[in-house]
Amino acid sequence: MGTAFLPALYVKSEIRQENELRIADVEGVNVVRNHVLVWRNSSPEKSFYRNLAIEIRRIVEQNLNDVVIPIRAEK
């Protein structure tokens, strides 16, 4: 038996049989990790990157809204 502190996104994506472990929030602890998609404004592929960002955000909001808080970047 052991204890591990895992991010909720990891637990949701990697733990297949939830009955094999006990998952609990640690009250008062808010651990965050930021992921960003960045490209040069002069990039000839900036339209592709914008569309990619829109698609990633859609997938995250649709499938991970219980463990991910999207932050809207300024344009």
Protein backbone atom coordinates (compact mmCIF):
# COMPACT_ATOMS: atom_id res chain seq x y z
CA MET A 1 0.00 0.00 0.00
CA GLY A 2 1.24 3.52 -0.73
CA THR A 3 0.28 7.11 -1.28
CA ALA A 4 0.88 9.18 -4.40
CA PHE A 5 -0.07 12.72 -5.31
CA LEU A 6 -1.10 12.79 -8.96
CA PRO A 7 -2.61 15.57 -11.06
CA ALA A 8 -6.31 15.02 -11.80
CA LEU A 9 -5.66 15.14 -15.54
CA TYR A 10 -3.20 12.26 -15.21
CA VAL A 11 -5.61 10.24 -13.10
CA LYS A 12 -8.41 10.80 -15.60
CA SER A 13 -6.26 9.82 -18.59
CA GLU A 14 -4.17 6.96 -17.17
CA ILE A 15 -6.10 5.19 -14.41
CA ARG A 16 -8.31 2.63 -16.12
CA GLN A 17 -9.76 0.71 -13.18
CA GLU A 18 -10.80 3.22 -10.55
CA ASN A 19 -11.88 0.46 -8.17
CA GLU A 20 -8.20 -0.38 -7.62
CA LEU A 21 -7.41 2.87 -5.88
CA ARG A 22 -8.92 5.59 -3.76
CA ILE A 23 -8.97 9.03 -5.37
CA ALA A 24 -9.46 12.05 -3.12
CA ASP A 25 -8.89 15.78 -3.31
CA VAL A 26 -6.48 17.28 -0.81
CA GLU A 27 -8.45 20.04 0.82
CA GLY A 28 -6.79 23.44 0.76
CA VAL A 29 -4.19 22.43 -1.84
CA ASN A 30 -4.52 23.84 -5.32
CA VAL A 31 -1.75 22.63 -7.60
CA VAL A 32 -1.80 24.02 -11.12
CA ARG A 33 0.18 23.51 -14.27
CA ASN A 34 -0.01 25.79 -17.29
CA HIS A 35 0.30 24.59 -20.86
CA VAL A 36 0.58 27.05 -23.71
CA LEU A 37 0.76 27.03 -27.47
CA VAL A 38 2.97 29.84 -28.78
CA TRP A 39 4.04 30.89 -32.27
CA ARG A 40 5.72 33.86 -33.85
CA ASN A 41 3.29 36.49 -35.10
CA SER A 42 5.28 36.54 -38.36
CA SER A 43 4.97 32.76 -38.85
CA PRO A 44 3.57 31.83 -42.26
CA GLU A 45 1.69 29.04 -40.45
CA LYS A 46 -0.05 31.31 -37.91
CA SER A 47 -3.48 30.49 -39.35
CA PHE A 48 -2.79 26.78 -38.80
CA TYR A 49 -1.65 27.43 -35.22
CA ARG A 50 -4.74 29.51 -34.45
CA ASN A 51 -6.96 26.72 -35.75
CA LEU A 52 -4.96 24.16 -33.79
CA ALA A 53 -5.40 26.22 -30.61
CA ILE A 54 -9.15 26.44 -31.22
CA GLU A 55 -9.37 22.68 -31.72
CA ILE A 56 -7.29 21.90 -28.61
CA ARG A 57 -9.46 24.24 -26.54
CA ARG A 58 -12.64 22.60 -27.90
CA ILE A 59 -11.39 19.10 -27.05
CA VAL A 60 -10.30 20.17 -23.56
CA GLU A 61 -13.59 21.94 -22.81
CA GLN A 62 -15.60 19.00 -24.14
CA ASN A 63 -13.69 16.16 -22.47
CA LEU A 64 -11.73 17.57 -19.55
CA ASN A 65 -13.88 20.35 -18.12
CA ASP A 66 -14.01 18.62 -14.74
CA VAL A 67 -10.22 18.72 -14.27
CA VAL A 68 -8.99 21.59 -16.46
CA ILE A 69 -9.71 25.28 -16.10
CA PRO A 70 -9.09 26.96 -19.47
CA ILE A 71 -7.52 30.41 -19.36
CA ARG A 72 -8.31 32.66 -22.28
CA ALA A 73 -5.23 34.46 -23.58
CA GLU A 74 -5.34 38.01 -24.79
CA LYS A 75 -5.16 38.39 -28.55
